Amino acid sequence: MVEAPRGTARRPVSVLRSFLDSEAAGGLILMATAACALFIANSPLAPAYFAALGVYVGPMNIGHWVNDGLMAVFFLLVGLEIKREMLDGQLASWSNRALPGIAAAGGMVVPALVFLAFNAGSPETARGWAIPTATDIAFALGVMSLLGPRVPAALKVFLAALAILDDLGAVIIIALFYSGQLSTLDLALAAAALAVLFGMNRAGVARLWPFLLVGLVLWFFVLRSGVHATIAGVLLALAIPLRPAPARPDDMASSLLHRLEHALHKPVAFLVVPVFGFANAGVSFAGLTLETALQPLTLGIALGLFLGKLVGVFGASALAILLGVASLPFRASWMHMVGVALLCGIGFTMSLFIGLLAFADYPQQQAQAKIGILAGSLVAGVLGWLVLRLAPTPREVRPG
């Protein structure tokens, strides 16, 4: 961390910026694990792969532990990122929120409309409308990292900020539209645990372990309540204090939120998300025909990710810039914006997660959704890389 001049308060380097490199590396690892899962699912090892995910450890099988347990840690980090960036980072002011916020909104609405254009007449598949609205920040930054200095740094920050707002939208969608039958008692107990967390925040509790302990209780009751367990991670994040430690009042990096965020970042990028990808990307192509690939569910997701994200993110961004509401990221061109809009169509992790929730009891629809996610993400990622590769090298901007 760069030391601030004497007499001024030290402010931490944003995690969003200081960990861009590790985010990209995590994306590359995620690509490798997804490819490995696909290979295994279409090899003689497939029966063992699927059987292992169904092995019970305690009250849940391994697949559920990954999706309900490990992913709660992922959502905890997402919540910490959202709170930190909204209050003390790249999204702390309305001017900074404008372009990524408008782009994120367009990138959620248009893909959903594209999906519904194919599936609105089928209640069985229309439930998956939110699948193509998500952006996978790790994958997208992983693709960007392959281009090195050809991509302006401000464009990476824009993509990361957009993805954080996209994640916020996904969290709201999951909470509102993909909850099961609700248990009033467990919801009340979860609310009580959350009240204790915010009470600890107000009381100035200066250690992390009490928050994590009560957070575990919160996760348990949310899991039983019918609301998806991962929402507990976001709720816990909102209760973690952002204020500096009492002994270091001028050091924002000493806050519990910053400390937990930094502690979680690499484990999530290099362990949690790759394990989720390995457990959920495995889809067998046995019996896959052109007719199967052209099913409305598969097409709606693939085109929603590839075409919907391109039109939604680029169109909303262009409209905001042309109307003077926002400006292009520093040293970026319109071609760079097209490339980023395409990369936003990589919806791997969150799209797979929403697909699992949307079609929890329908394995056939789950398989079709996975094919659509993989196809749309692959096309969007390759074309996004190609456009950014062909875009002019960021020009030097001279003062005056």
Protein backbone atom coordinates (compact mmCIF):
# COMPACT_ATOMS: atom_id res chain seq x y z
CA MET A 1 0.00 0.00 0.00
CA VAL A 2 1.27 3.48 -0.89
CA GLU A 3 1.85 5.57 2.21
CA ALA A 4 -0.15 8.77 2.45
CA PRO A 5 1.69 12.02 3.16
CA ARG A 6 2.12 12.81 6.84
CA GLY A 7 -0.81 14.61 8.38
CA THR A 8 -3.36 13.02 6.03
CA ALA A 9 -5.62 10.04 6.66
CA ARG A 10 -4.52 6.82 5.07
CA ARG A 11 -7.11 5.36 2.70
CA PRO A 12 -6.80 1.77 1.54
CA VAL A 13 -6.19 0.90 -2.07
CA SER A 14 -9.51 -0.45 -3.36
CA VAL A 15 -9.73 -4.22 -3.44
CA LEU A 16 -11.41 -3.75 -6.79
CA ARG A 17 -8.13 -2.38 -8.17
CA SER A 18 -5.43 -4.04 -6.08
CA PHE A 19 -6.74 -7.53 -6.75
CA LEU A 20 -7.57 -7.23 -10.45
CA ASP A 21 -4.62 -9.44 -11.28
CA SER A 22 -5.66 -12.20 -8.91
CA GLU A 23 -9.27 -11.94 -10.10
CA ALA A 24 -8.00 -12.55 -13.62
CA ALA A 25 -5.88 -15.49 -12.49
CA GLY A 26 -8.93 -16.90 -10.71
CA GLY A 27 -10.84 -16.60 -13.98
CA LEU A 28 -8.20 -18.59 -15.82
CA ILE A 29 -8.35 -21.30 -13.15
CA LEU A 30 -12.14 -21.31 -13.45
CA MET A 31 -11.83 -21.84 -17.21
CA ALA A 32 -9.53 -24.79 -16.61
CA THR A 33 -11.80 -26.42 -14.02
CA ALA A 34 -14.88 -25.95 -16.22
CA ALA A 35 -13.07 -27.57 -19.14
CA CYS A 36 -11.98 -30.40 -16.86
CA ALA A 37 -15.56 -30.95 -15.65
CA LEU A 38 -16.84 -31.07 -19.23
CA PHE A 39 -14.13 -33.57 -20.19
CA ILE A 40 -14.89 -35.84 -17.23
CA ALA A 41 -18.67 -35.64 -17.78
CA ASN A 42 -18.14 -36.93 -21.32
CA SER A 43 -15.60 -39.64 -20.46
CA PRO A 44 -15.75 -43.09 -18.83
CA LEU A 45 -15.29 -41.25 -15.50
CA ALA A 46 -18.74 -39.62 -15.82
CA PRO A 47 -20.63 -42.10 -13.59
CA ALA A 48 -18.11 -41.63 -10.77
CA TYR A 49 -18.23 -37.81 -11.20
CA PHE A 50 -22.02 -37.60 -10.92
CA ALA A 51 -22.16 -40.21 -8.16
CA ALA A 52 -19.61 -38.31 -6.07
CA LEU A 53 -21.73 -35.16 -6.17
CA GLY A 54 -24.63 -37.17 -4.77
CA VAL A 55 -22.71 -38.59 -1.78
CA TYR A 56 -24.22 -37.39 1.50
CA VAL A 57 -22.03 -35.75 4.12
CA GLY A 58 -24.24 -35.11 7.11
CA PRO A 59 -27.63 -33.63 6.19
CA MET A 60 -26.74 -32.68 2.58
CA ASN A 61 -24.96 -34.24 -0.38
CA ILE A 62 -21.70 -32.82 -1.72
CA GLY A 63 -23.47 -30.93 -4.50
CA HIS A 64 -25.67 -29.14 -1.98
CA TRP A 65 -22.75 -28.38 0.32
CA VAL A 66 -21.02 -26.71 -2.63
CA ASN A 67 -24.09 -24.77 -3.79
CA ASP A 68 -25.55 -23.86 -0.39
CA GLY A 69 -22.42 -23.77 1.78
CA LEU A 70 -19.36 -22.78 -0.24
CA MET A 71 -21.38 -20.37 -2.38
CA ALA A 72 -22.55 -18.60 0.77
CA VAL A 73 -18.89 -17.63 1.23
CA PHE A 74 -18.82 -16.38 -2.36
CA PHE A 75 -21.93 -14.27 -1.70
CA LEU A 76 -20.36 -12.97 1.52
CA LEU A 77 -17.48 -11.61 -0.56
CA VAL A 78 -19.93 -10.22 -3.12
CA GLY A 79 -21.78 -8.43 -0.32
CA LEU A 80 -18.55 -7.03 1.12
CA GLU A 81 -17.52 -5.78 -2.34
CA ILE A 82 -20.90 -4.13 -2.89
CA LYS A 83 -20.92 -2.39 0.50
CA ARG A 84 -17.27 -1.32 0.28
CA GLU A 85 -17.53 0.05 -3.26
CA MET A 86 -20.83 1.82 -2.56
CA LEU A 87 -19.57 3.54 0.59
CA ASP A 88 -15.83 3.99 0.07
CA GLY A 89 -14.81 2.92 -3.43
CA GLN A 90 -15.43 3.27 -7.15
CA LEU A 91 -19.20 3.47 -6.67
CA ALA A 92 -19.19 5.92 -3.76
CA SER A 93 -20.47 8.85 -5.84
CA TRP A 94 -23.41 9.12 -8.22
CA SER A 95 -21.14 10.30 -11.02
CA ASN A 96 -19.04 7.14 -10.75
CA ARG A 97 -22.12 4.93 -10.52
CA ALA A 98 -23.79 6.42 -13.58
CA LEU A 99 -22.12 4.56 -16.47
CA PRO A 100 -21.70 1.10 -14.86
CA GLY A 101 -25.15 1.40 -13.27
CA ILE A 102 -26.89 2.24 -16.54
CA ALA A 103 -24.88 -0.41 -18.38
CA ALA A 104 -25.72 -3.03 -15.74
CA ALA A 105 -29.43 -2.20 -15.95
CA GLY A 106 -29.42 -2.52 -19.74
CA GLY A 107 -27.39 -5.71 -19.44
CA MET A 108 -30.06 -7.28 -17.23
CA VAL A 109 -33.27 -6.09 -18.90
CA VAL A 110 -32.43 -6.84 -22.55
CA PRO A 111 -31.14 -10.43 -22.00
CA ALA A 112 -34.27 -11.23 -19.99
CA LEU A 113 -36.43 -9.90 -22.84
CA VAL A 114 -34.47 -11.94 -25.40
CA PHE A 115 -34.97 -15.06 -23.28
CA LEU A 116 -38.70 -14.41 -22.87
CA ALA A 117 -39.08 -13.87 -26.62
CA PHE A 118 -38.30 -17.59 -26.96
CA ASN A 119 -39.94 -18.88 -23.76
CA ALA A 120 -42.81 -16.58 -22.77
CA GLY A 121 -45.40 -19.11 -23.96
CA SER A 122 -43.96 -21.94 -21.85
CA PRO A 123 -44.41 -21.60 -18.07
CA GLU A 124 -42.06 -24.59 -17.56
CA THR A 125 -39.09 -22.78 -19.10
CA ALA A 126 -40.04 -19.11 -18.62
CA ARG A 127 -38.96 -19.49 -14.99
CA GLY A 128 -35.36 -19.28 -16.22
CA TRP A 129 -35.69 -15.67 -17.42
CA ALA A 130 -32.97 -14.44 -15.04
CA ILE A 131 -30.30 -16.92 -16.19
CA PRO A 132 -28.82 -14.74 -18.99
CA THR A 133 -28.90 -11.54 -16.90
CA ALA A 134 -25.72 -12.42 -14.96
CA THR A 135 -22.07 -11.56 -15.68
CA ASP A 136 -19.16 -13.66 -14.40
CA ILE A 137 -16.52 -11.16 -13.26
CA ALA A 138 -13.79 -13.79 -12.77
CA PHE A 139 -14.21 -15.22 -16.27
CA ALA A 140 -14.52 -11.79 -17.92
CA LEU A 141 -11.42 -10.40 -16.19
CA GLY A 142 -9.62 -13.65 -16.98
CA VAL A 143 -10.23 -13.08 -20.69
CA MET A 144 -9.21 -9.43 -20.33
CA SER A 145 -5.96 -10.46 -18.65
CA LEU A 146 -4.94 -12.32 -21.80
CA LEU A 147 -4.77 -8.95 -23.59
CA GLY A 148 -2.39 -7.26 -21.14
CA PRO A 149 -1.81 -3.52 -21.71
CA ARG A 150 -3.99 -3.47 -24.83
CA VAL A 151 -6.95 -2.91 -22.48
CA PRO A 152 -7.11 0.45 -20.65
CA ALA A 153 -7.03 0.11 -16.87
CA ALA A 154 -10.16 2.26 -16.58
CA LEU A 155 -12.00 -0.26 -18.73
CA LYS A 156 -11.16 -3.05 -16.27
CA VAL A 157 -12.46 -0.91 -13.41
CA PHE A 158 -15.63 -0.19 -15.41
CA LEU A 159 -16.19 -3.90 -16.06
CA ALA A 160 -15.59 -4.78 -12.41
CA ALA A 161 -17.97 -2.04 -11.20
CA LEU A 162 -20.60 -3.12 -13.71
CA ALA A 163 -20.26 -6.75 -12.58
CA ILE A 164 -20.63 -5.75 -8.92
CA LEU A 165 -23.89 -3.92 -9.67
CA ASP A 166 -24.92 -6.90 -11.80
CA ASP A 167 -24.26 -9.16 -8.80
CA LEU A 168 -26.40 -6.86 -6.64
CA GLY A 169 -29.24 -7.26 -9.13
CA ALA A 170 -28.75 -11.04 -9.15
CA VAL A 171 -28.91 -11.17 -5.35
CA ILE A 172 -32.19 -9.25 -5.36
CA ILE A 173 -33.60 -11.50 -8.09
CA ILE A 174 -32.65 -14.67 -6.21
CA ALA A 175 -34.20 -13.38 -2.97
CA LEU A 176 -37.45 -12.27 -4.65
CA PHE A 177 -38.05 -14.88 -7.35
CA TYR A 178 -36.16 -18.06 -6.47
CA SER A 179 -37.11 -18.74 -2.87
CA GLY A 180 -38.99 -21.89 -1.90
CA GLN A 181 -41.86 -22.42 0.50
CA LEU A 182 -41.15 -20.09 3.40
CA SER A 183 -41.00 -21.06 7.08
CA THR A 184 -42.25 -18.19 9.25
CA LEU A 185 -40.46 -19.49 12.35
CA ASP A 186 -37.08 -19.84 10.65
CA LEU A 187 -37.46 -16.44 8.97
CA ALA A 188 -38.13 -14.91 12.39
CA LEU A 189 -35.07 -16.62 13.88
CA ALA A 190 -32.97 -15.47 10.91
CA ALA A 191 -34.25 -11.93 11.43
CA ALA A 192 -33.30 -12.15 15.12
CA ALA A 193 -29.77 -13.27 14.19
CA LEU A 194 -29.52 -10.39 11.73
CA ALA A 195 -30.69 -7.95 14.42
CA VAL A 196 -27.95 -9.25 16.71
CA LEU A 197 -25.38 -8.66 13.94
CA PHE A 198 -26.45 -5.06 13.40
CA GLY A 199 -26.59 -4.56 17.17
CA MET A 200 -22.98 -5.74 17.41
CA ASN A 201 -22.08 -3.28 14.65
CA ARG A 202 -23.73 -0.39 16.50
CA ALA A 203 -22.11 -1.46 19.79
CA GLY A 204 -18.65 -1.22 18.21
CA VAL A 205 -17.64 -4.89 18.46
CA ALA A 206 -14.05 -4.85 17.19
CA ARG A 207 -13.41 -8.55 16.51
CA LEU A 208 -14.45 -10.60 13.49
CA TRP A 209 -15.15 -13.93 15.16
CA PRO A 210 -18.40 -12.87 16.91
CA PHE A 211 -19.78 -11.67 13.55
CA LEU A 212 -18.75 -14.91 11.83
CA LEU A 213 -20.22 -17.04 14.62
CA VAL A 214 -23.59 -15.28 14.53
CA GLY A 215 -23.35 -15.30 10.73
CA LEU A 216 -23.14 -19.10 10.82
CA VAL A 217 -26.34 -19.17 12.91
CA LEU A 218 -27.93 -16.79 10.38
CA TRP A 219 -26.92 -19.11 7.50
CA PHE A 220 -28.50 -22.11 9.28
CA PHE A 221 -31.87 -20.42 9.76
CA VAL A 222 -31.89 -18.92 6.25
CA LEU A 223 -31.14 -22.40 4.85
CA ARG A 224 -34.18 -23.77 6.71
CA SER A 225 -36.41 -20.79 5.95
CA GLY A 226 -36.93 -21.40 2.21
CA VAL A 227 -34.91 -18.33 1.17
CA HIS A 228 -31.76 -19.55 -0.53
CA ALA A 229 -28.95 -19.99 1.99
CA THR A 230 -26.47 -17.88 0.01
CA ILE A 231 -28.51 -14.74 0.81
CA ALA A 232 -27.21 -15.13 4.38
CA GLY A 233 -23.74 -14.30 3.09
CA VAL A 234 -24.93 -10.96 1.69
CA LEU A 235 -26.87 -10.12 4.86
CA LEU A 236 -23.81 -10.87 7.00
CA ALA A 237 -21.69 -8.63 4.77
CA LEU A 238 -24.07 -5.71 5.25
CA ALA A 239 -23.62 -5.98 9.02
CA ILE A 240 -19.79 -6.01 8.98
CA PRO A 241 -18.47 -2.58 10.11
CA LEU A 242 -16.59 -0.41 7.63
CA ARG A 243 -15.29 2.08 10.22
CA PRO A 244 -11.57 2.03 11.18
CA ALA A 245 -10.39 0.16 14.25
CA PRO A 246 -10.46 2.34 17.43
CA ALA A 247 -6.68 2.06 17.85
CA ARG A 248 -6.09 3.23 14.23
CA PRO A 249 -8.74 5.88 13.53
CA ASP A 250 -6.96 7.22 10.43
CA ASP A 251 -6.48 3.83 8.78
CA MET A 252 -9.55 2.72 6.84
CA ALA A 253 -7.78 -0.52 5.94
CA SER A 254 -8.03 -1.55 9.60
CA SER A 255 -11.84 -1.89 9.40
CA LEU A 256 -13.34 -5.34 9.89
CA LEU A 257 -14.87 -5.17 6.42
CA HIS A 258 -11.55 -4.54 4.69
CA ARG A 259 -9.79 -7.22 6.71
CA LEU A 260 -12.42 -9.85 5.95
CA GLU A 261 -12.61 -8.85 2.30
CA HIS A 262 -8.87 -9.22 1.82
CA ALA A 263 -8.84 -12.50 3.74
CA LEU A 264 -11.61 -14.00 1.58
CA HIS A 265 -10.59 -12.74 -1.82
CA LYS A 266 -8.00 -15.33 -2.80
CA PRO A 267 -9.74 -18.36 -1.22
CA VAL A 268 -12.92 -17.45 -3.11
CA ALA A 269 -11.14 -16.77 -6.41
CA PHE A 270 -8.87 -19.80 -6.28
CA LEU A 271 -10.97 -22.35 -4.37
CA VAL A 272 -14.66 -21.60 -3.89
CA VAL A 273 -15.55 -20.50 -7.42
CA PRO A 274 -13.42 -23.16 -9.21
CA VAL A 275 -14.94 -25.90 -7.01
CA PHE A 276 -18.42 -24.60 -7.85
CA GLY A 277 -17.51 -24.53 -11.54
CA PHE A 278 -16.13 -28.07 -11.42
CA ALA A 279 -19.23 -29.35 -9.60
CA ASN A 280 -21.73 -27.69 -11.94
CA ALA A 281 -20.17 -27.29 -15.38
CA GLY A 282 -20.14 -31.02 -16.05
CA VAL A 283 -22.86 -31.70 -18.62
CA SER A 284 -22.96 -34.80 -20.79
CA PHE A 285 -23.25 -34.26 -24.53
CA ALA A 286 -24.34 -37.86 -25.07
CA GLY A 287 -27.44 -37.85 -27.23
CA LEU A 288 -27.09 -34.13 -27.96
CA THR A 289 -28.71 -33.37 -31.30
CA LEU A 290 -29.33 -30.22 -33.32
CA GLU A 291 -32.96 -30.37 -32.20
CA THR A 292 -31.87 -30.39 -28.54
CA ALA A 293 -29.48 -27.49 -29.09
CA LEU A 294 -32.25 -25.45 -30.74
CA GLN A 295 -34.75 -25.85 -27.91
CA PRO A 296 -36.28 -22.49 -26.85
CA LEU A 297 -34.68 -22.74 -23.39
CA THR A 298 -31.19 -23.33 -24.79
CA LEU A 299 -31.53 -20.71 -27.52
CA GLY A 300 -33.06 -18.13 -25.17
CA ILE A 301 -30.14 -18.41 -22.75
CA ALA A 302 -27.39 -18.52 -25.39
CA LEU A 303 -28.75 -15.57 -27.36
CA GLY A 304 -29.65 -13.72 -24.18
CA LEU A 305 -26.03 -13.91 -23.03
CA PHE A 306 -24.40 -13.21 -26.37
CA LEU A 307 -26.82 -10.88 -28.16
CA GLY A 308 -28.82 -9.54 -25.20
CA LYS A 309 -25.76 -8.49 -23.20
CA LEU A 310 -24.16 -6.89 -26.27
CA VAL A 311 -27.26 -4.84 -27.10
CA GLY A 312 -28.15 -4.11 -23.48
CA VAL A 313 -24.72 -3.10 -22.12
CA PHE A 314 -23.42 -1.31 -25.20
CA GLY A 315 -26.77 0.28 -26.09
CA ALA A 316 -27.40 1.60 -22.57
CA SER A 317 -23.80 2.83 -22.26
CA ALA A 318 -23.88 4.56 -25.65
CA LEU A 319 -27.18 6.25 -24.85
CA ALA A 320 -25.85 7.52 -21.50
CA ILE A 321 -22.64 8.83 -23.07
CA LEU A 322 -24.37 10.48 -26.04
CA LEU A 323 -26.88 12.17 -23.72
CA GLY A 324 -24.04 13.52 -21.59
CA VAL A 325 -25.04 11.56 -18.49
CA ALA A 326 -21.65 9.78 -18.44
CA SER A 327 -18.41 9.69 -20.40
CA LEU A 328 -16.25 6.98 -21.94
CA PRO A 329 -13.78 5.33 -19.53
CA PHE A 330 -10.35 7.00 -19.65
CA ARG A 331 -8.38 6.08 -22.82
CA ALA A 332 -11.16 3.76 -24.03
CA SER A 333 -12.76 3.79 -27.48
CA TRP A 334 -16.18 2.73 -28.73
CA MET A 335 -14.62 -0.49 -29.97
CA HIS A 336 -13.39 -1.18 -26.44
CA MET A 337 -16.97 -0.71 -25.21
CA VAL A 338 -18.25 -3.25 -27.74
CA GLY A 339 -15.62 -5.72 -26.53
CA VAL A 340 -16.57 -5.20 -22.87
CA ALA A 341 -20.28 -5.58 -23.70
CA LEU A 342 -19.48 -8.93 -25.31
CA LEU A 343 -17.43 -10.05 -22.31
CA CYS A 344 -20.43 -9.27 -20.10
CA GLY A 345 -22.12 -12.15 -21.92
CA ILE A 346 -19.88 -14.58 -20.02
CA GLY A 347 -22.43 -15.52 -17.40
CA PHE A 348 -20.88 -18.74 -16.19
CA THR A 349 -20.88 -18.86 -12.36
CA MET A 350 -23.96 -16.81 -11.50
CA SER A 351 -25.91 -18.07 -14.54
CA LEU A 352 -25.26 -21.68 -13.58
CA PHE A 353 -26.30 -20.87 -10.02
CA ILE A 354 -29.59 -19.25 -11.08
CA GLY A 355 -30.21 -22.14 -13.48
CA LEU A 356 -29.89 -24.61 -10.60
CA LEU A 357 -32.45 -22.61 -8.60
CA ALA A 358 -34.85 -22.12 -11.52
CA PHE A 359 -34.95 -25.79 -12.48
CA ALA A 360 -34.09 -27.48 -9.19
CA ASP A 361 -36.54 -30.35 -9.81
CA TYR A 362 -36.12 -30.63 -13.59
CA PRO A 363 -32.83 -32.31 -14.63
CA GLN A 364 -33.63 -32.11 -18.35
CA GLN A 365 -34.15 -28.34 -18.21
CA GLN A 366 -31.00 -28.01 -16.10
CA ALA A 367 -29.00 -29.79 -18.81
CA GLN A 368 -30.49 -27.59 -21.55
CA ALA A 369 -29.77 -24.49 -19.48
CA LYS A 370 -26.14 -25.53 -18.96
CA ILE A 371 -25.68 -26.08 -22.70
CA GLY A 372 -27.13 -22.62 -23.39
CA ILE A 373 -24.90 -21.02 -20.73
CA LEU A 374 -21.76 -22.73 -22.01
CA ALA A 375 -22.53 -21.94 -25.65
CA GLY A 376 -23.50 -18.30 -25.04
CA SER A 377 -20.57 -17.68 -22.70
CA LEU A 378 -18.10 -19.28 -25.12
CA VAL A 379 -19.26 -17.23 -28.10
CA ALA A 380 -19.39 -14.01 -26.06
CA GLY A 381 -15.93 -14.63 -24.57
CA VAL A 382 -14.22 -15.46 -27.86
CA LEU A 383 -15.79 -12.55 -29.74
CA GLY A 384 -15.14 -10.18 -26.84
CA TRP A 385 -11.46 -11.18 -26.80
CA LEU A 386 -11.24 -10.78 -30.58
CA VAL A 387 -12.82 -7.30 -30.58
CA LEU A 388 -10.55 -6.09 -27.77
CA ARG A 389 -7.56 -7.67 -29.50
CA LEU A 390 -8.32 -5.73 -32.69
CA ALA A 391 -9.15 -2.49 -30.88
CA PRO A 392 -6.53 0.25 -31.16
CA THR A 393 -3.93 0.34 -28.40
CA PRO A 394 -4.99 2.89 -25.75
CA ARG A 395 -3.64 6.24 -26.83
CA GLU A 396 -1.51 8.41 -24.66
CA VAL A 397 -3.49 11.38 -23.37
CA ARG A 398 -1.46 14.59 -23.17
CA PRO A 399 -2.42 17.37 -20.77
CA GLY A 400 -3.93 20.54 -22.18
